[in-house]
C-alpha atoms as a PDB file:
ATOM      1  CA  MET A   1     107.021 -75.313  40.445  1.00  0.00           C
ATOM      2  CA  LEU A   2     108.983 -73.089  38.084  1.00  0.00           C
ATOM      3  CA  GLY A   3     106.585 -71.032  35.968  1.00  0.00           C
ATOM      4  CA  ARG A   4     103.495 -72.194  37.827  1.00  0.00           C
ATOM      5  CA  PHE A   5     101.011 -70.260  39.842  1.00  0.00           C
ATOM      6  CA  PHE A   6      97.932 -70.963  41.859  1.00  0.00           C
ATOM      7  CA  ARG A   7      94.603 -69.482  40.967  1.00  0.00           C
ATOM      8  CA  CYS A   8      92.030 -69.602  43.682  1.00  0.00           C
ATOM      9  CA  TRP A   9      88.366 -68.804  43.543  1.00  0.00           C
ATOM     10  CA  LEU A  10      85.339 -69.348  45.697  1.00  0.00           C
ATOM     11  CA  THR A  11      82.871 -71.967  44.544  1.00  0.00           C
ATOM     12  CA  GLY A  12      79.813 -71.626  46.729  1.00  0.00           C
ATOM     13  CA  THR A  13      79.808 -74.087  49.605  1.00  0.00           C
ATOM     14  CA  LYS A  14      82.821 -76.081  48.400  1.00  0.00           C
ATOM     15  CA  GLY A  15      85.296 -73.441  49.529  1.00  0.00           C
ATOM     16  CA  LEU A  16      88.534 -72.594  47.752  1.00  0.00           C
ATOM     17  CA  ILE A  17      89.736 -74.556  44.759  1.00  0.00           C
ATOM     18  CA  MET A  18      93.345 -74.228  43.620  1.00  0.00           C
ATOM     19  CA  GLU A  19      94.643 -75.005  40.148  1.00  0.00           C
ATOM     20  CA  SER A  20      98.089 -74.673  38.683  1.00  0.00           C
ATOM     21  CA  TYR A  21      98.705 -73.110  35.258  1.00  0.00           C
ATOM     22  CA  SER A  22     101.782 -72.437  33.155  1.00  0.00           C
ATOM     23  CA  PRO A  23     102.610 -69.057  31.550  1.00  0.00           C
ATOM     24  CA  HIS A  24     101.644 -70.580  28.187  1.00  0.00           C
ATOM     25  CA  GLU A  25      98.191 -71.432  29.542  1.00  0.00           C
ATOM     26  CA  ILE A  26      97.807 -67.889  30.855  1.00  0.00           C
ATOM     27  CA  MET A  27      98.643 -66.458  27.442  1.00  0.00           C
ATOM     28  CA  ARG A  28      96.202 -68.850  25.775  1.00  0.00           C
ATOM     29  CA  GLU A  29      93.468 -67.810  28.224  1.00  0.00           C
ATOM     30  CA  LEU A  30      94.105 -64.103  27.610  1.00  0.00           C
ATOM     31  CA  THR A  31      93.951 -64.689  23.862  1.00  0.00           C
ATOM     32  CA  ARG A  32      90.678 -66.585  24.230  1.00  0.00           C
ATOM     33  CA  ILE A  33      89.179 -63.801  26.331  1.00  0.00           C
ATOM     34  CA  GLN A  34      90.244 -61.175  23.798  1.00  0.00           C
ATOM     35  CA  ARG A  35      88.644 -63.157  20.951  1.00  0.00           C
ATOM     36  CA  GLU A  36      85.418 -63.517  22.916  1.00  0.00           C
ATOM     37  CA  MET A  37      85.396 -59.795  23.704  1.00  0.00           C
ATOM     38  CA  ALA A  38      85.832 -58.966  20.007  1.00  0.00           C
ATOM     39  CA  LYS A  39      82.883 -61.232  19.167  1.00  0.00           C
ATOM     40  CA  GLY A  40      80.933 -59.614  21.987  1.00  0.00           C
ATOM     41  CA  ALA A  41      81.452 -56.121  20.618  1.00  0.00           C
ATOM     42  CA  SER A  42      80.070 -57.199  17.264  1.00  0.00           C
ATOM     43  CA  ALA A  43      77.187 -59.082  18.877  1.00  0.00           C
ATOM     44  CA  LEU A  44      76.382 -56.058  21.039  1.00  0.00           C
ATOM     45  CA  TYR A  45      76.157 -53.814  17.985  1.00  0.00           C
ATOM     46  CA  ASP A  46      73.879 -56.284  16.206  1.00  0.00           C
ATOM     47  CA  ALA A  47      71.672 -56.634  19.290  1.00  0.00           C
ATOM     48  CA  GLU A  48      71.438 -52.848  19.699  1.00  0.00           C
ATOM     49  CA  VAL A  49      70.361 -52.488  16.064  1.00  0.00           C
ATOM     50  CA  LYS A  50      67.774 -55.229  16.582  1.00  0.00           C
ATOM     51  CA  LEU A  51      66.551 -53.437  19.732  1.00  0.00           C
ATOM     52  CA  ALA A  52      66.204 -50.109  17.926  1.00  0.00           C
ATOM     53  CA  ASP A  53      64.234 -51.763  15.122  1.00  0.00           C
ATOM     54  CA  ALA A  54      61.985 -53.597  17.576  1.00  0.00           C
ATOM     55  CA  GLU A  55      61.282 -50.441  19.596  1.00  0.00           C
ATOM     56  CA  ASN A  56      60.542 -48.519  16.417  1.00  0.00           C
ATOM     57  CA  THR A  57      58.157 -51.230  15.237  1.00  0.00           C
ATOM     58  CA  ALA A  58      56.410 -51.314  18.629  1.00  0.00           C
ATOM     59  CA  ASP A  59      55.970 -47.534  18.607  1.00  0.00           C
ATOM     60  CA  LEU A  60      54.616 -47.555  15.046  1.00  0.00           C
ATOM     61  CA  VAL A  61      52.127 -50.328  15.841  1.00  0.00           C
ATOM     62  CA  LEU A  62      51.001 -48.462  18.967  1.00  0.00           C
ATOM     63  CA  GLN A  63      50.570 -45.143  17.173  1.00  0.00           C
ATOM     64  CA  ARG A  64      48.825 -46.591  14.122  1.00  0.00           C
ATOM     65  CA  SER A  65      46.431 -48.646  16.205  1.00  0.00           C
ATOM     66  CA  TYR A  66      45.663 -45.620  18.388  1.00  0.00           C
ATOM     67  CA  MET A  67      44.870 -43.523  15.322  1.00  0.00           C
ATOM     68  CA  GLY A  68      42.627 -46.260  13.920  1.00  0.00           C
ATOM     69  CA  ALA A  69      40.798 -46.987  17.177  1.00  0.00           C
ATOM     70  CA  THR A  70      37.411 -45.521  18.057  1.00  0.00           C
ATOM     71  CA  GLY A  71      35.879 -44.588  21.377  1.00  0.00           C
ATOM     72  CA  THR A  72      37.040 -42.478  24.276  1.00  0.00           C
ATOM     73  CA  ASP A  73      40.675 -41.612  24.839  1.00  0.00           C
ATOM     74  CA  LYS A  74      41.054 -44.354  27.462  1.00  0.00           C
ATOM     75  CA  GLU A  75      39.415 -46.938  25.196  1.00  0.00           C
ATOM     76  CA  ARG A  76      41.659 -45.977  22.269  1.00  0.00           C
ATOM     77  CA  THR A  77      44.718 -46.210  24.511  1.00  0.00           C
ATOM     78  CA  ALA A  78      43.694 -49.631  25.829  1.00  0.00           C
ATOM     79  CA  LYS A  79      42.955 -50.980  22.337  1.00  0.00           C
ATOM     80  CA  SER A  80      46.212 -49.698  20.914  1.00  0.00           C
ATOM     81  CA  ARG A  81      48.220 -51.171  23.783  1.00  0.00           C
ATOM     82  CA  LEU A  82      46.574 -54.537  23.240  1.00  0.00           C
ATOM     83  CA  GLU A  83      47.366 -54.455  19.531  1.00  0.00           C
ATOM     84  CA  ALA A  84      50.966 -53.405  20.198  1.00  0.00           C
ATOM     85  CA  ALA A  85      51.558 -55.981  22.965  1.00  0.00           C
ATOM     86  CA  GLU A  86      53.321 -58.503  20.734  1.00  0.00           C
ATOM     87  CA  ALA A  87      55.574 -55.848  19.185  1.00  0.00           C
ATOM     88  CA  ARG A  88      56.367 -54.530  22.695  1.00  0.00           C
ATOM     89  CA  LEU A  89      57.251 -58.074  23.786  1.00  0.00           C
ATOM     90  CA  GLU A  90      59.687 -58.363  20.874  1.00  0.00           C
ATOM     91  CA  ALA A  91      61.276 -55.062  21.926  1.00  0.00           C
ATOM     92  CA  ASP A  92      61.545 -56.234  25.536  1.00  0.00           C
ATOM     93  CA  LEU A  93      63.169 -59.487  24.438  1.00  0.00           C
ATOM     94  CA  ALA A  94      65.628 -57.549  22.289  1.00  0.00           C
ATOM     95  CA  LYS A  95      66.461 -55.373  25.300  1.00  0.00           C
ATOM     96  CA  ALA A  96      67.049 -58.483  27.412  1.00  0.00           C
ATOM     97  CA  GLU A  97      69.437 -59.756  24.748  1.00  0.00           C
ATOM     98  CA  VAL A  98      71.403 -56.493  24.829  1.00  0.00           C
ATOM     99  CA  ASN A  99      71.591 -56.660  28.621  1.00  0.00           C
ATOM    100  CA  ARG A 100      72.713 -60.295  28.536  1.00  0.00           C
ATOM    101  CA  ILE A 101      75.530 -59.435  26.112  1.00  0.00           C
ATOM    102  CA  LYS A 102      76.602 -56.514  28.314  1.00  0.00           C
ATOM    103  CA  VAL A 103      76.741 -58.798  31.357  1.00  0.00           C
ATOM    104  CA  LYS A 104      78.803 -61.340  29.422  1.00  0.00           C
ATOM    105  CA  MET A 105      81.194 -58.577  28.300  1.00  0.00           C
ATOM    106  CA  LYS A 106      81.541 -57.413  31.915  1.00  0.00           C
ATOM    107  CA  MET A 107      82.299 -60.973  33.011  1.00  0.00           C
ATOM    108  CA  LEU A 108      84.945 -61.294  30.299  1.00  0.00           C
ATOM    109  CA  GLU A 109      86.461 -57.998  31.371  1.00  0.00           C
ATOM    110  CA  SER A 110      86.661 -59.217  34.965  1.00  0.00           C
ATOM    111  CA  ALA A 111      88.197 -62.514  33.853  1.00  0.00           C
ATOM    112  CA  GLN A 112      90.756 -60.637  31.777  1.00  0.00           C
ATOM    113  CA  MET A 113      91.740 -58.419  34.706  1.00  0.00           C
ATOM    114  CA  ALA A 114      92.040 -61.444  37.007  1.00  0.00           C
ATOM    115  CA  THR A 115      94.150 -63.326  34.475  1.00  0.00           C
ATOM    116  CA  GLN A 116      96.401 -60.303  33.989  1.00  0.00           C
ATOM    117  CA  THR A 117      96.877 -60.043  37.752  1.00  0.00           C
ATOM    118  CA  ILE A 118      97.768 -63.717  37.921  1.00  0.00           C
ATOM    119  CA  SER A 119     100.174 -63.195  35.027  1.00  0.00           C
ATOM    120  CA  ARG A 120     101.954 -60.496  37.012  1.00  0.00           C
ATOM    121  CA  LEU A 121     102.174 -62.834  39.997  1.00  0.00           C
ATOM    122  CA  VAL A 122     103.713 -65.536  37.816  1.00  0.00           C
ATOM    123  CA  GLU A 123     106.209 -63.018  36.454  1.00  0.00           C
ATOM    124  CA  SER A 124     107.116 -61.999  39.988  1.00  0.00           C
ATOM    125  CA  GLU A 125     107.469 -65.634  41.047  1.00  0.00           C
ATOM    126  CA  MET A 126     109.730 -66.387  38.104  1.00  0.00           C
ATOM    127  CA  ARG A 127     112.000 -63.450  38.944  1.00  0.00           C
ATOM    128  CA  ASN A 128     112.348 -64.670  42.524  1.00  0.00           C
ATOM    129  CA  LEU A 129     113.389 -68.187  41.476  1.00  0.00           C
END
């Protein structure tokens, strides 16, 4: 088993699963994670820009429709909210996209830390052989 290690993780009701990987496979996995994280940073920026634009659009629609509405204050507010509902939905969807990217980045970060820990274990195992 020179240069091999066992990675274990919990898979719901199936219990522990063990797989064996070589140092080369560990390096390949770390490289893949780093590439995904670089893509994620760019995607996060794009999603944040999209979110800012969507929120700005929703606010503009709300304010313009409020100014153009007639009736009491409550009626104007209700009408403007109805007219801005679609723009608000777009902003909410953009926010969900940002949150989804952040979760994915956090998962990649956790996977990277776990892989680095396993790499250290492999290094230790190789020294002891």
